[in-house]
Amino acid sequence: PAGQAGADACKDSKTLALSTGDHFNGPAISSFFFGEPTADVMGRMGYAASGLGNHELDFGIDQFVKNRARGGFPYLAANVTKEAGDERLAGLEVKPFEVFERQGVKIAVIGLANVDAPKTVMAGRFHGINVAGYEQTLNEVLPKVASADAVVVLVDECPSALESLFEAHKDW
């Protein structure tokens, strides 16, 4: 893709472009070209990060790796681990969080994969990938980003499914 891509495109901007995932499958043009047009557009728009949605792996891990490179931004999923020794998963590298600074404000962005993703995606796409619960993961990750001025959680999930969790943890 031509031009500046990913987080660097908006580094000094007031904007922090984020997504919860599920980019590559759906629109005909993106599906036909295995998600590449969407990755290119998101890179040109300056997306800083995305959560790992349940459809990022629809075209396989190799295509996910290509699309991630084309977009130029990291995928975040603090609750995802890979089974050791599975070479097929080598390219699936996701970070738990990133901290961005916009106009002197430090914003921690935590990614969470949907806990039901292994059951809802195309057969076998999440084989060898473990997805931990939201509460356990946030209890582990939030102390690591406590120095940030603000925290954003990216998750491909209905807000109503998380409402009781956040109500129970006012300390977060």
C-alpha atoms as a PDB file:
ATOM      1  CA  PRO A   1       0.000   0.000   0.000  1.00  0.00           C
ATOM      2  CA  ALA A   2       1.166   3.477  -0.829  1.00  0.00           C
ATOM      3  CA  GLY A   3       1.517   6.264   1.720  1.00  0.00           C
ATOM      4  CA  GLN A   4       2.040   6.287   5.424  1.00  0.00           C
ATOM      5  CA  ALA A   5       0.170   3.496   7.195  1.00  0.00           C
ATOM      6  CA  GLY A   6      -1.048   2.473  10.587  1.00  0.00           C
ATOM      7  CA  ALA A   7      -0.308   4.146  13.892  1.00  0.00           C
ATOM      8  CA  ASP A   8       2.391   6.372  12.376  1.00  0.00           C
ATOM      9  CA  ALA A   9      -0.119   8.017  10.014  1.00  0.00           C
ATOM     10  CA  CYS A  10      -1.915   9.743  12.906  1.00  0.00           C
ATOM     11  CA  LYS A  11       0.888   9.772  15.466  1.00  0.00           C
ATOM     12  CA  ASP A  12       0.793  13.516  16.099  1.00  0.00           C
ATOM     13  CA  SER A  13      -2.908  13.910  15.533  1.00  0.00           C
ATOM     14  CA  LYS A  14      -5.772  14.450  17.921  1.00  0.00           C
ATOM     15  CA  THR A  15      -7.241  11.241  16.531  1.00  0.00           C
ATOM     16  CA  LEU A  16      -6.896   7.692  17.804  1.00  0.00           C
ATOM     17  CA  ALA A  17      -8.530   5.392  15.272  1.00  0.00           C
ATOM     18  CA  LEU A  18      -9.400   2.013  16.817  1.00  0.00           C
ATOM     19  CA  SER A  19     -11.518  -0.991  15.911  1.00  0.00           C
ATOM     20  CA  THR A  20     -12.924  -4.014  17.699  1.00  0.00           C
ATOM     21  CA  GLY A  21     -12.070  -6.295  14.758  1.00  0.00           C
ATOM     22  CA  ASP A  22     -14.048  -8.284  12.190  1.00  0.00           C
ATOM     23  CA  HIS A  23     -12.660  -6.259   9.296  1.00  0.00           C
ATOM     24  CA  PHE A  24     -11.916  -8.602   6.468  1.00  0.00           C
ATOM     25  CA  ASN A  25     -15.015 -10.702   5.869  1.00  0.00           C
ATOM     26  CA  GLY A  26     -18.400  -9.352   4.884  1.00  0.00           C
ATOM     27  CA  PRO A  27     -18.218  -6.661   2.191  1.00  0.00           C
ATOM     28  CA  ALA A  28     -17.990  -8.419  -1.171  1.00  0.00           C
ATOM     29  CA  ILE A  29     -14.902  -6.542  -2.372  1.00  0.00           C
ATOM     30  CA  SER A  30     -13.029  -7.338   0.839  1.00  0.00           C
ATOM     31  CA  SER A  31     -14.118 -10.974   0.957  1.00  0.00           C
ATOM     32  CA  PHE A  32     -13.240 -11.560  -2.709  1.00  0.00           C
ATOM     33  CA  PHE A  33      -9.698 -10.247  -2.133  1.00  0.00           C
ATOM     34  CA  PHE A  34      -9.250 -11.992   1.257  1.00  0.00           C
ATOM     35  CA  GLY A  35      -9.517  -8.779   3.294  1.00  0.00           C
ATOM     36  CA  GLU A  36      -6.692  -6.931   1.574  1.00  0.00           C
ATOM     37  CA  PRO A  37      -8.749  -3.887   0.423  1.00  0.00           C
ATOM     38  CA  THR A  38     -10.004  -3.311   3.961  1.00  0.00           C
ATOM     39  CA  ALA A  39      -6.496  -3.657   5.412  1.00  0.00           C
ATOM     40  CA  ASP A  40      -5.202  -1.134   2.858  1.00  0.00           C
ATOM     41  CA  VAL A  41      -7.949   1.383   3.608  1.00  0.00           C
ATOM     42  CA  MET A  42      -7.547   1.060   7.364  1.00  0.00           C
ATOM     43  CA  GLY A  43      -3.808   1.608   6.992  1.00  0.00           C
ATOM     44  CA  ARG A  44      -4.342   4.732   4.911  1.00  0.00           C
ATOM     45  CA  MET A  45      -6.877   6.003   7.444  1.00  0.00           C
ATOM     46  CA  GLY A  46      -4.262   5.665  10.170  1.00  0.00           C
ATOM     47  CA  TYR A  47      -5.775   3.067  12.439  1.00  0.00           C
ATOM     48  CA  ALA A  48      -3.626   2.762  15.549  1.00  0.00           C
ATOM     49  CA  ALA A  49      -4.814  -0.656  16.758  1.00  0.00           C
ATOM     50  CA  SER A  50      -7.567  -3.213  16.577  1.00  0.00           C
ATOM     51  CA  GLY A  51      -8.957  -5.908  18.771  1.00  0.00           C
ATOM     52  CA  LEU A  52      -8.846  -9.444  17.410  1.00  0.00           C
ATOM     53  CA  GLY A  53     -12.361 -10.098  16.166  1.00  0.00           C
ATOM     54  CA  ASN A  54     -13.772 -13.530  15.530  1.00  0.00           C
ATOM     55  CA  HIS A  55     -13.473 -13.130  11.740  1.00  0.00           C
ATOM     56  CA  GLU A  56      -9.840 -11.980  11.465  1.00  0.00           C
ATOM     57  CA  LEU A  57      -8.789 -15.580  10.882  1.00  0.00           C
ATOM     58  CA  ASP A  58     -11.495 -16.500   8.330  1.00  0.00           C
ATOM     59  CA  PHE A  59      -8.942 -16.628   5.518  1.00  0.00           C
ATOM     60  CA  GLY A  60      -6.320 -18.395   7.635  1.00  0.00           C
ATOM     61  CA  ILE A  61      -3.413 -17.208   9.732  1.00  0.00           C
ATOM     62  CA  ASP A  62      -1.107 -16.557   6.769  1.00  0.00           C
ATOM     63  CA  GLN A  63      -3.656 -14.154   5.274  1.00  0.00           C
ATOM     64  CA  PHE A  64      -4.181 -12.529   8.680  1.00  0.00           C
ATOM     65  CA  VAL A  65      -0.426 -11.893   8.842  1.00  0.00           C
ATOM     66  CA  LYS A  66      -0.498 -10.331   5.350  1.00  0.00           C
ATOM     67  CA  ASN A  67      -3.461  -8.143   6.232  1.00  0.00           C
ATOM     68  CA  ARG A  68      -1.899  -7.037   9.514  1.00  0.00           C
ATOM     69  CA  ALA A  69       1.243  -5.987   7.623  1.00  0.00           C
ATOM     70  CA  ARG A  70      -0.797  -4.191   4.948  1.00  0.00           C
ATOM     71  CA  GLY A  71      -2.721  -2.242   7.584  1.00  0.00           C
ATOM     72  CA  GLY A  72       0.404  -1.431   9.572  1.00  0.00           C
ATOM     73  CA  PHE A  73      -1.218  -1.554  12.989  1.00  0.00           C
ATOM     74  CA  PRO A  74      -1.134  -4.097  15.828  1.00  0.00           C
ATOM     75  CA  TYR A  75      -3.911  -6.438  16.853  1.00  0.00           C
ATOM     76  CA  LEU A  76      -4.583  -6.582  20.563  1.00  0.00           C
ATOM     77  CA  ALA A  77      -5.969  -9.529  22.526  1.00  0.00           C
ATOM     78  CA  ALA A  78      -4.870  -9.806  26.146  1.00  0.00           C
ATOM     79  CA  ASN A  79      -6.938 -12.947  26.657  1.00  0.00           C
ATOM     80  CA  VAL A  80      -5.459 -14.979  23.773  1.00  0.00           C
ATOM     81  CA  THR A  81      -2.741 -17.580  24.160  1.00  0.00           C
ATOM     82  CA  LYS A  82      -1.422 -20.096  21.660  1.00  0.00           C
ATOM     83  CA  GLU A  83      -0.819 -23.742  22.365  1.00  0.00           C
ATOM     84  CA  ALA A  84       2.921 -24.362  22.529  1.00  0.00           C
ATOM     85  CA  GLY A  85       4.537 -26.146  19.626  1.00  0.00           C
ATOM     86  CA  ASP A  86       1.810 -25.438  17.052  1.00  0.00           C
ATOM     87  CA  GLU A  87       3.855 -24.091  14.123  1.00  0.00           C
ATOM     88  CA  ARG A  88       0.660 -23.158  12.286  1.00  0.00           C
ATOM     89  CA  LEU A  89       0.154 -20.383  14.864  1.00  0.00           C
ATOM     90  CA  ALA A  90       3.651 -18.880  14.527  1.00  0.00           C
ATOM     91  CA  GLY A  91       2.438 -15.737  12.732  1.00  0.00           C
ATOM     92  CA  LEU A  92      -0.427 -15.051  15.115  1.00  0.00           C
ATOM     93  CA  GLU A  93       1.237 -12.449  17.248  1.00  0.00           C
ATOM     94  CA  VAL A  94      -1.056 -10.213  19.232  1.00  0.00           C
ATOM     95  CA  LYS A  95      -0.170  -7.854  22.031  1.00  0.00           C
ATOM     96  CA  PRO A  96      -2.267  -7.545  25.188  1.00  0.00           C
ATOM     97  CA  PHE A  97      -2.307  -3.740  25.059  1.00  0.00           C
ATOM     98  CA  GLU A  98      -0.672  -0.621  23.635  1.00  0.00           C
ATOM     99  CA  VAL A  99      -0.298   2.817  25.172  1.00  0.00           C
ATOM    100  CA  PHE A 100      -0.717   5.786  22.854  1.00  0.00           C
ATOM    101  CA  GLU A 101      -0.142   9.439  23.548  1.00  0.00           C
ATOM    102  CA  ARG A 102      -2.338  12.134  22.053  1.00  0.00           C
ATOM    103  CA  GLN A 103      -1.743  15.755  23.027  1.00  0.00           C
ATOM    104  CA  GLY A 104      -0.007  14.750  26.235  1.00  0.00           C
ATOM    105  CA  VAL A 105      -2.722  12.272  27.256  1.00  0.00           C
ATOM    106  CA  LYS A 106      -1.643   8.653  27.693  1.00  0.00           C
ATOM    107  CA  ILE A 107      -4.355   6.260  26.505  1.00  0.00           C
ATOM    108  CA  ALA A 108      -4.011   2.554  27.245  1.00  0.00           C
ATOM    109  CA  VAL A 109      -5.852   0.365  24.758  1.00  0.00           C
ATOM    110  CA  ILE A 110      -6.522  -3.207  25.875  1.00  0.00           C
ATOM    111  CA  GLY A 111      -7.765  -5.774  23.393  1.00  0.00           C
ATOM    112  CA  LEU A 112      -9.967  -8.723  24.243  1.00  0.00           C
ATOM    113  CA  ALA A 113     -11.026 -11.455  21.855  1.00  0.00           C
ATOM    114  CA  ASN A 114     -14.645 -12.540  22.195  1.00  0.00           C
ATOM    115  CA  VAL A 115     -14.799 -15.478  24.601  1.00  0.00           C
ATOM    116  CA  ASP A 116     -17.152 -17.283  22.200  1.00  0.00           C
ATOM    117  CA  ALA A 117     -14.915 -16.774  19.150  1.00  0.00           C
ATOM    118  CA  PRO A 118     -13.602 -20.349  19.088  1.00  0.00           C
ATOM    119  CA  LYS A 119     -17.220 -21.572  18.850  1.00  0.00           C
ATOM    120  CA  THR A 120     -18.549 -19.008  16.366  1.00  0.00           C
ATOM    121  CA  VAL A 121     -15.901 -18.789  13.640  1.00  0.00           C
ATOM    122  CA  MET A 122     -15.330 -20.989  10.635  1.00  0.00           C
ATOM    123  CA  ALA A 123     -14.436 -24.525  11.689  1.00  0.00           C
ATOM    124  CA  GLY A 124     -10.843 -24.912  12.827  1.00  0.00           C
ATOM    125  CA  ARG A 125      -9.829 -21.256  12.548  1.00  0.00           C
ATOM    126  CA  PHE A 126      -9.224 -20.941  16.297  1.00  0.00           C
ATOM    127  CA  HIS A 127      -7.762 -24.437  16.712  1.00  0.00           C
ATOM    128  CA  GLY A 128      -4.831 -24.207  19.141  1.00  0.00           C
ATOM    129  CA  ILE A 129      -5.863 -20.752  20.344  1.00  0.00           C
ATOM    130  CA  ASN A 130      -7.150 -20.341  23.888  1.00  0.00           C
ATOM    131  CA  VAL A 131      -9.357 -17.442  24.905  1.00  0.00           C
ATOM    132  CA  ALA A 132      -9.519 -16.608  28.620  1.00  0.00           C
ATOM    133  CA  GLY A 133     -12.434 -14.888  30.346  1.00  0.00           C
ATOM    134  CA  TYR A 134     -12.825 -11.119  30.411  1.00  0.00           C
ATOM    135  CA  GLU A 135     -12.808 -10.667  34.192  1.00  0.00           C
ATOM    136  CA  GLN A 136      -9.691 -12.745  34.796  1.00  0.00           C
ATOM    137  CA  THR A 137      -7.848 -11.011  31.971  1.00  0.00           C
ATOM    138  CA  LEU A 138      -8.785  -7.471  32.981  1.00  0.00           C
ATOM    139  CA  ASN A 139      -7.800  -8.179  36.587  1.00  0.00           C
ATOM    140  CA  GLU A 140      -4.338  -9.148  35.290  1.00  0.00           C
ATOM    141  CA  VAL A 141      -3.874  -6.405  32.685  1.00  0.00           C
ATOM    142  CA  LEU A 142      -5.395  -3.295  34.257  1.00  0.00           C
ATOM    143  CA  PRO A 143      -2.631  -2.946  36.909  1.00  0.00           C
ATOM    144  CA  LYS A 144      -0.078  -2.939  34.061  1.00  0.00           C
ATOM    145  CA  VAL A 145      -1.687   0.153  32.501  1.00  0.00           C
ATOM    146  CA  ALA A 146      -2.561   1.961  35.739  1.00  0.00           C
ATOM    147  CA  SER A 147      -0.266   4.885  34.921  1.00  0.00           C
ATOM    148  CA  ALA A 148      -2.301   5.780  31.811  1.00  0.00           C
ATOM    149  CA  ASP A 149      -4.657   8.761  31.897  1.00  0.00           C
ATOM    150  CA  ALA A 150      -7.438   6.761  30.240  1.00  0.00           C
ATOM    151  CA  VAL A 151      -8.155   3.136  29.374  1.00  0.00           C
ATOM    152  CA  VAL A 152     -10.069   1.854  26.356  1.00  0.00           C
ATOM    153  CA  VAL A 153     -11.101  -1.787  26.059  1.00  0.00           C
ATOM    154  CA  LEU A 154     -11.621  -3.125  22.533  1.00  0.00           C
ATOM    155  CA  VAL A 155     -13.781  -6.236  22.321  1.00  0.00           C
ATOM    156  CA  ASP A 156     -16.043  -7.627  19.623  1.00  0.00           C
ATOM    157  CA  GLU A 157     -18.893  -8.139  22.072  1.00  0.00           C
ATOM    158  CA  CYS A 158     -22.331  -6.715  22.797  1.00  0.00           C
ATOM    159  CA  PRO A 159     -22.088  -3.982  25.449  1.00  0.00           C
ATOM    160  CA  SER A 160     -24.962  -5.595  27.352  1.00  0.00           C
ATOM    161  CA  ALA A 161     -22.824  -8.724  27.834  1.00  0.00           C
ATOM    162  CA  LEU A 162     -20.179  -6.639  29.634  1.00  0.00           C
ATOM    163  CA  GLU A 163     -22.416  -4.282  31.585  1.00  0.00           C
ATOM    164  CA  SER A 164     -22.697  -6.428  34.713  1.00  0.00           C
ATOM    165  CA  LEU A 165     -18.949  -7.094  34.681  1.00  0.00           C
ATOM    166  CA  PHE A 166     -18.094  -3.394  34.714  1.00  0.00           C
ATOM    167  CA  GLU A 167     -20.828  -2.674  37.271  1.00  0.00           C
ATOM    168  CA  ALA A 168     -19.269  -5.277  39.579  1.00  0.00           C
ATOM    169  CA  HIS A 169     -15.825  -3.703  39.230  1.00  0.00           C
ATOM    170  CA  LYS A 170     -16.252  -0.008  39.895  1.00  0.00           C
ATOM    171  CA  ASP A 171     -12.570  -0.005  40.962  1.00  0.00           C
ATOM    172  CA  TRP A 172     -11.581  -0.582  37.355  1.00  0.00           C
END
